[in-house]
Amino acid sequence: MSLPEVLLWNLLRKAPGGVIFPRQHSFENKLVVDFYCAKAKVCIEVDGIAHDMGDNPEYDQARDARLREMGLEVLRIPATEVLKSPELVAEGLVLFCKR
């Protein structure tokens, strides 16, 4: 896990607001997302600079499209936002998933 993922996981693993966020959740044995809220069907990806390099943007688009076909919502959060305030990001995720 990257530093932003670790910072976010330290908050999400406590099931804030009763919302459960498993990490490194797998779909179809090949699509792994950073965090997942099953109750809200929300996949959460923390995007660092690697997501902008090489063929990663195209891979991410195809992967997100497949997840959406499965009825899941995909949230992409810039790693810089997590580094600025992991607490605010975690709080926002809980509110989003409880909507």
C-alpha atoms as a PDB file:
ATOM      1  CA  MET A   1       0.000   0.000   0.000  1.00  0.00           C
ATOM      2  CA  SER A   2       1.136   3.528  -0.735  1.00  0.00           C
ATOM      3  CA  LEU A   3       1.432   6.119   2.049  1.00  0.00           C
ATOM      4  CA  PRO A   4      -1.906   7.775   1.172  1.00  0.00           C
ATOM      5  CA  GLU A   5      -3.599   4.363   1.179  1.00  0.00           C
ATOM      6  CA  VAL A   6      -2.074   3.534   4.582  1.00  0.00           C
ATOM      7  CA  LEU A   7      -3.196   6.865   6.042  1.00  0.00           C
ATOM      8  CA  LEU A   8      -6.719   6.343   4.755  1.00  0.00           C
ATOM      9  CA  TRP A   9      -6.805   2.690   5.833  1.00  0.00           C
ATOM     10  CA  ASN A  10      -5.839   3.650   9.386  1.00  0.00           C
ATOM     11  CA  LEU A  11      -9.119   5.571   9.529  1.00  0.00           C
ATOM     12  CA  LEU A  12     -11.391   3.356   7.427  1.00  0.00           C
ATOM     13  CA  ARG A  13     -10.463   0.072   9.112  1.00  0.00           C
ATOM     14  CA  LYS A  14     -12.297   1.249  12.232  1.00  0.00           C
ATOM     15  CA  ALA A  15     -15.614   1.199  10.299  1.00  0.00           C
ATOM     16  CA  PRO A  16     -16.355   4.887  10.883  1.00  0.00           C
ATOM     17  CA  GLY A  17     -20.059   5.614  11.198  1.00  0.00           C
ATOM     18  CA  GLY A  18     -20.681   1.876  10.967  1.00  0.00           C
ATOM     19  CA  VAL A  19     -19.543   1.814   7.326  1.00  0.00           C
ATOM     20  CA  ILE A  20     -17.260  -1.111   6.457  1.00  0.00           C
ATOM     21  CA  PHE A  21     -14.471  -0.589   3.923  1.00  0.00           C
ATOM     22  CA  PRO A  22     -12.440  -3.730   3.173  1.00  0.00           C
ATOM     23  CA  ARG A  23      -9.141  -2.984   1.444  1.00  0.00           C
ATOM     24  CA  GLN A  24      -7.728  -4.619  -1.670  1.00  0.00           C
ATOM     25  CA  HIS A  25     -11.120  -6.041  -2.597  1.00  0.00           C
ATOM     26  CA  SER A  26     -11.139  -8.262  -5.679  1.00  0.00           C
ATOM     27  CA  PHE A  27     -13.779  -8.652  -8.385  1.00  0.00           C
ATOM     28  CA  GLU A  28     -13.701 -11.429 -10.985  1.00  0.00           C
ATOM     29  CA  ASN A  29     -10.362 -12.556  -9.496  1.00  0.00           C
ATOM     30  CA  LYS A  30      -8.532  -9.810 -11.402  1.00  0.00           C
ATOM     31  CA  LEU A  31     -10.007  -6.403 -10.688  1.00  0.00           C
ATOM     32  CA  VAL A  32      -8.632  -5.213  -7.345  1.00  0.00           C
ATOM     33  CA  VAL A  33      -9.764  -1.926  -5.841  1.00  0.00           C
ATOM     34  CA  ASP A  34      -8.080  -0.075  -2.984  1.00  0.00           C
ATOM     35  CA  PHE A  35     -11.218   0.033  -0.810  1.00  0.00           C
ATOM     36  CA  TYR A  36     -14.799  -1.143  -1.238  1.00  0.00           C
ATOM     37  CA  CYS A  37     -18.101  -0.404   0.475  1.00  0.00           C
ATOM     38  CA  ALA A  38     -20.370  -3.352  -0.301  1.00  0.00           C
ATOM     39  CA  LYS A  39     -23.493  -1.798   1.213  1.00  0.00           C
ATOM     40  CA  ALA A  40     -23.260   1.227  -1.130  1.00  0.00           C
ATOM     41  CA  LYS A  41     -21.590  -0.715  -3.983  1.00  0.00           C
ATOM     42  CA  VAL A  42     -18.794   1.864  -4.119  1.00  0.00           C
ATOM     43  CA  CYS A  43     -15.218   1.139  -5.213  1.00  0.00           C
ATOM     44  CA  ILE A  44     -12.617   3.608  -4.002  1.00  0.00           C
ATOM     45  CA  GLU A  45      -9.303   4.180  -5.718  1.00  0.00           C
ATOM     46  CA  VAL A  46      -6.538   6.401  -4.365  1.00  0.00           C
ATOM     47  CA  ASP A  47      -4.748   7.714  -7.437  1.00  0.00           C
ATOM     48  CA  GLY A  48      -1.095   8.613  -7.212  1.00  0.00           C
ATOM     49  CA  ILE A  49       1.181   9.707 -10.034  1.00  0.00           C
ATOM     50  CA  ALA A  50       1.559   6.142 -11.339  1.00  0.00           C
ATOM     51  CA  HIS A  51      -2.042   6.274 -12.572  1.00  0.00           C
ATOM     52  CA  ASP A  52      -1.000   9.013 -15.030  1.00  0.00           C
ATOM     53  CA  MET A  53       1.934   7.124 -16.523  1.00  0.00           C
ATOM     54  CA  GLY A  54       2.250   4.825 -19.513  1.00  0.00           C
ATOM     55  CA  ASP A  55      -0.872   2.878 -20.376  1.00  0.00           C
ATOM     56  CA  ASN A  56      -2.282   3.159 -16.847  1.00  0.00           C
ATOM     57  CA  PRO A  57      -4.900   5.813 -17.762  1.00  0.00           C
ATOM     58  CA  GLU A  58      -6.358   3.545 -20.453  1.00  0.00           C
ATOM     59  CA  TYR A  59      -6.230   0.530 -18.133  1.00  0.00           C
ATOM     60  CA  ASP A  60      -8.009   2.493 -15.390  1.00  0.00           C
ATOM     61  CA  GLN A  61     -10.734   3.625 -17.812  1.00  0.00           C
ATOM     62  CA  ALA A  62     -11.360   0.082 -19.033  1.00  0.00           C
ATOM     63  CA  ARG A  63     -11.343  -1.277 -15.495  1.00  0.00           C
ATOM     64  CA  ASP A  64     -13.741   1.405 -14.260  1.00  0.00           C
ATOM     65  CA  ALA A  65     -16.049   0.692 -17.202  1.00  0.00           C
ATOM     66  CA  ARG A  66     -16.117  -3.013 -16.292  1.00  0.00           C
ATOM     67  CA  LEU A  67     -16.842  -2.234 -12.642  1.00  0.00           C
ATOM     68  CA  ARG A  68     -19.700   0.062 -13.698  1.00  0.00           C
ATOM     69  CA  GLU A  69     -21.091  -2.716 -15.916  1.00  0.00           C
ATOM     70  CA  MET A  70     -21.214  -4.795 -12.743  1.00  0.00           C
ATOM     71  CA  GLY A  71     -23.411  -2.129 -11.118  1.00  0.00           C
ATOM     72  CA  LEU A  72     -20.658  -0.580  -9.029  1.00  0.00           C
ATOM     73  CA  GLU A  73     -19.785   3.075  -8.612  1.00  0.00           C
ATOM     74  CA  VAL A  74     -16.111   4.069  -8.812  1.00  0.00           C
ATOM     75  CA  LEU A  75     -14.673   6.974  -6.860  1.00  0.00           C
ATOM     76  CA  ARG A  76     -11.166   8.136  -7.693  1.00  0.00           C
ATOM     77  CA  ILE A  77      -9.471  10.241  -5.057  1.00  0.00           C
ATOM     78  CA  PRO A  78      -6.178  12.010  -5.757  1.00  0.00           C
ATOM     79  CA  ALA A  79      -3.445  10.840  -3.403  1.00  0.00           C
ATOM     80  CA  THR A  80      -2.557  14.489  -2.795  1.00  0.00           C
ATOM     81  CA  GLU A  81      -5.997  15.051  -1.245  1.00  0.00           C
ATOM     82  CA  VAL A  82      -5.498  12.122   1.110  1.00  0.00           C
ATOM     83  CA  LEU A  83      -2.065  13.427   2.093  1.00  0.00           C
ATOM     84  CA  LYS A  84      -3.524  16.870   2.827  1.00  0.00           C
ATOM     85  CA  SER A  85      -6.251  15.574   5.104  1.00  0.00           C
ATOM     86  CA  PRO A  86      -6.939  11.859   5.412  1.00  0.00           C
ATOM     87  CA  GLU A  87      -9.577  12.646   8.039  1.00  0.00           C
ATOM     88  CA  LEU A  88     -11.598  14.837   5.659  1.00  0.00           C
ATOM     89  CA  VAL A  89     -11.365  12.257   2.900  1.00  0.00           C
ATOM     90  CA  ALA A  90     -12.482   9.456   5.230  1.00  0.00           C
ATOM     91  CA  GLU A  91     -15.348  11.590   6.533  1.00  0.00           C
ATOM     92  CA  GLY A  92     -16.420  12.373   2.961  1.00  0.00           C
ATOM     93  CA  LEU A  93     -16.350   8.704   2.013  1.00  0.00           C
ATOM     94  CA  VAL A  94     -18.518   7.755   4.964  1.00  0.00           C
ATOM     95  CA  LEU A  95     -21.056  10.467   4.080  1.00  0.00           C
ATOM     96  CA  PHE A  96     -21.016   9.456   0.416  1.00  0.00           C
ATOM     97  CA  CYS A  97     -21.579   5.784   1.214  1.00  0.00           C
ATOM     98  CA  LYS A  98     -24.369   6.517   3.693  1.00  0.00           C
ATOM     99  CA  ARG A  99     -26.335   8.678   1.232  1.00  0.00           C
END
